[in-house]
């Protein structure tokens, strides 16, 4: 599995990148053919004092791509929400494949 983390409008510290990488590696437990994962960490409302932290996750598996987006006041919270949503998408897709 290839994990690609990109930051937009800021430079991420090691702790955040490590957190994202460790959690992302757990996707293999839900789908055994994950080819590539793209994680985008973005700061929104850069001109305002209150900055929303946006996380987008794109997971590439054979014959299908999954995409989720979440935002909150911290990257960890945004990532956790997006990650939970991604797991639900993958589980739903696998259930449909086993039923069909």
Protein backbone atom coordinates (compact mmCIF):
# COMPACT_ATOMS: atom_id res chain seq x y z
CA UNK A 1 0.00 0.00 0.00
CA UNK A 2 1.35 3.38 -1.03
CA UNK A 3 0.44 6.27 1.31
CA UNK A 4 0.74 9.81 -0.03
CA UNK A 5 0.15 12.73 2.39
CA UNK A 6 -0.08 16.26 1.01
CA UNK A 7 -0.46 19.46 2.99
CA UNK A 8 -2.01 22.62 1.57
CA UNK A 9 -1.35 26.14 2.97
CA UNK A 10 0.83 24.89 5.86
CA UNK A 11 3.74 22.63 6.84
CA UNK A 12 2.70 19.63 8.95
CA UNK A 13 4.73 18.56 11.97
CA UNK A 14 6.06 15.02 12.41
CA UNK A 15 3.48 14.05 15.05
CA UNK A 16 0.55 14.80 12.74
CA UNK A 17 2.12 12.95 9.80
CA UNK A 18 2.92 9.97 12.02
CA UNK A 19 -0.65 9.92 13.39
CA UNK A 20 -2.13 9.95 9.89
CA UNK A 21 0.26 7.29 8.61
CA UNK A 22 -0.34 4.86 11.49
CA UNK A 23 -4.13 5.16 11.24
CA UNK A 24 -4.09 4.88 7.45
CA UNK A 25 -2.12 1.63 7.58
CA UNK A 26 -5.09 0.06 9.40
CA UNK A 27 -7.14 0.23 6.17
CA UNK A 28 -5.58 -3.10 5.17
CA UNK A 29 -7.69 -4.80 7.84
CA UNK A 30 -10.89 -3.70 6.05
CA UNK A 31 -9.81 -4.30 2.43
CA UNK A 32 -6.97 -6.57 1.47
CA UNK A 33 -6.28 -4.98 -1.94
CA UNK A 34 -5.66 -1.33 -1.09
CA UNK A 35 -3.27 -0.04 -3.75
CA UNK A 36 -2.85 3.61 -2.87
CA UNK A 37 -4.11 6.11 -0.30
CA UNK A 38 -4.03 9.87 -0.85
CA UNK A 39 -4.53 12.07 2.21
CA UNK A 40 -4.92 15.83 1.78
CA UNK A 41 -4.60 18.07 4.84
CA UNK A 42 -5.87 21.58 4.11
CA UNK A 43 -6.33 24.84 5.96
CA UNK A 44 -9.50 26.67 4.95
CA UNK A 45 -10.31 30.33 5.61
CA UNK A 46 -6.63 31.26 5.62
CA UNK A 47 -7.48 34.97 5.68
CA UNK A 48 -9.64 34.63 8.81
CA UNK A 49 -8.45 34.05 12.36
CA UNK A 50 -10.54 30.89 12.71
CA UNK A 51 -9.11 28.27 10.39
CA UNK A 52 -11.03 25.12 9.57
CA UNK A 53 -8.95 21.97 9.20
CA UNK A 54 -10.08 19.91 6.20
CA UNK A 55 -9.06 16.31 5.58
CA UNK A 56 -9.74 14.49 2.32
CA UNK A 57 -8.96 10.80 1.91
CA UNK A 58 -8.95 8.96 -1.40
CA UNK A 59 -8.46 5.19 -1.38
CA UNK A 60 -7.67 3.33 -4.59
CA UNK A 61 -8.57 -0.37 -4.82
CA UNK A 62 -8.91 -2.48 -7.97
CA UNK A 63 -11.94 -1.33 -10.01
CA UNK A 64 -13.06 1.25 -7.42
CA UNK A 65 -12.04 4.49 -5.70
CA UNK A 66 -13.37 5.72 -2.37
CA UNK A 67 -13.40 9.40 -1.36
CA UNK A 68 -14.33 11.18 1.88
CA UNK A 69 -13.98 14.72 3.18
CA UNK A 70 -14.37 16.08 6.71
CA UNK A 71 -13.64 19.36 8.48
CA UNK A 72 -13.41 20.51 12.08
CA UNK A 73 -11.23 22.65 14.33
CA UNK A 74 -8.37 20.10 14.56
CA UNK A 75 -6.72 17.85 12.01
CA UNK A 76 -6.92 14.82 14.29
CA UNK A 77 -10.68 15.20 14.73
CA UNK A 78 -11.18 15.81 11.00
CA UNK A 79 -9.05 12.80 10.11
CA UNK A 80 -10.88 10.54 12.57
CA UNK A 81 -14.27 11.56 11.16
CA UNK A 82 -13.09 11.03 7.58
CA UNK A 83 -11.41 7.73 8.47
CA UNK A 84 -14.58 6.37 10.12
CA UNK A 85 -16.60 7.39 7.08
CA UNK A 86 -14.06 5.69 4.79
CA UNK A 87 -14.28 2.45 6.78
CA UNK A 88 -18.09 2.52 6.48
CA UNK A 89 -17.86 3.02 2.70
CA UNK A 90 -15.44 0.13 2.30
CA UNK A 91 -17.58 -2.17 4.46
CA UNK A 92 -20.74 -1.29 2.49
CA UNK A 93 -18.97 -1.97 -0.81
CA UNK A 94 -17.65 -5.34 0.40
CA UNK A 95 -21.16 -6.31 1.63
CA UNK A 96 -22.61 -5.51 -1.80
CA UNK A 97 -19.92 -7.61 -3.48
CA UNK A 98 -20.58 -10.61 -1.22
CA UNK A 99 -24.36 -10.40 -1.75
CA UNK A 100 -24.10 -10.12 -5.54
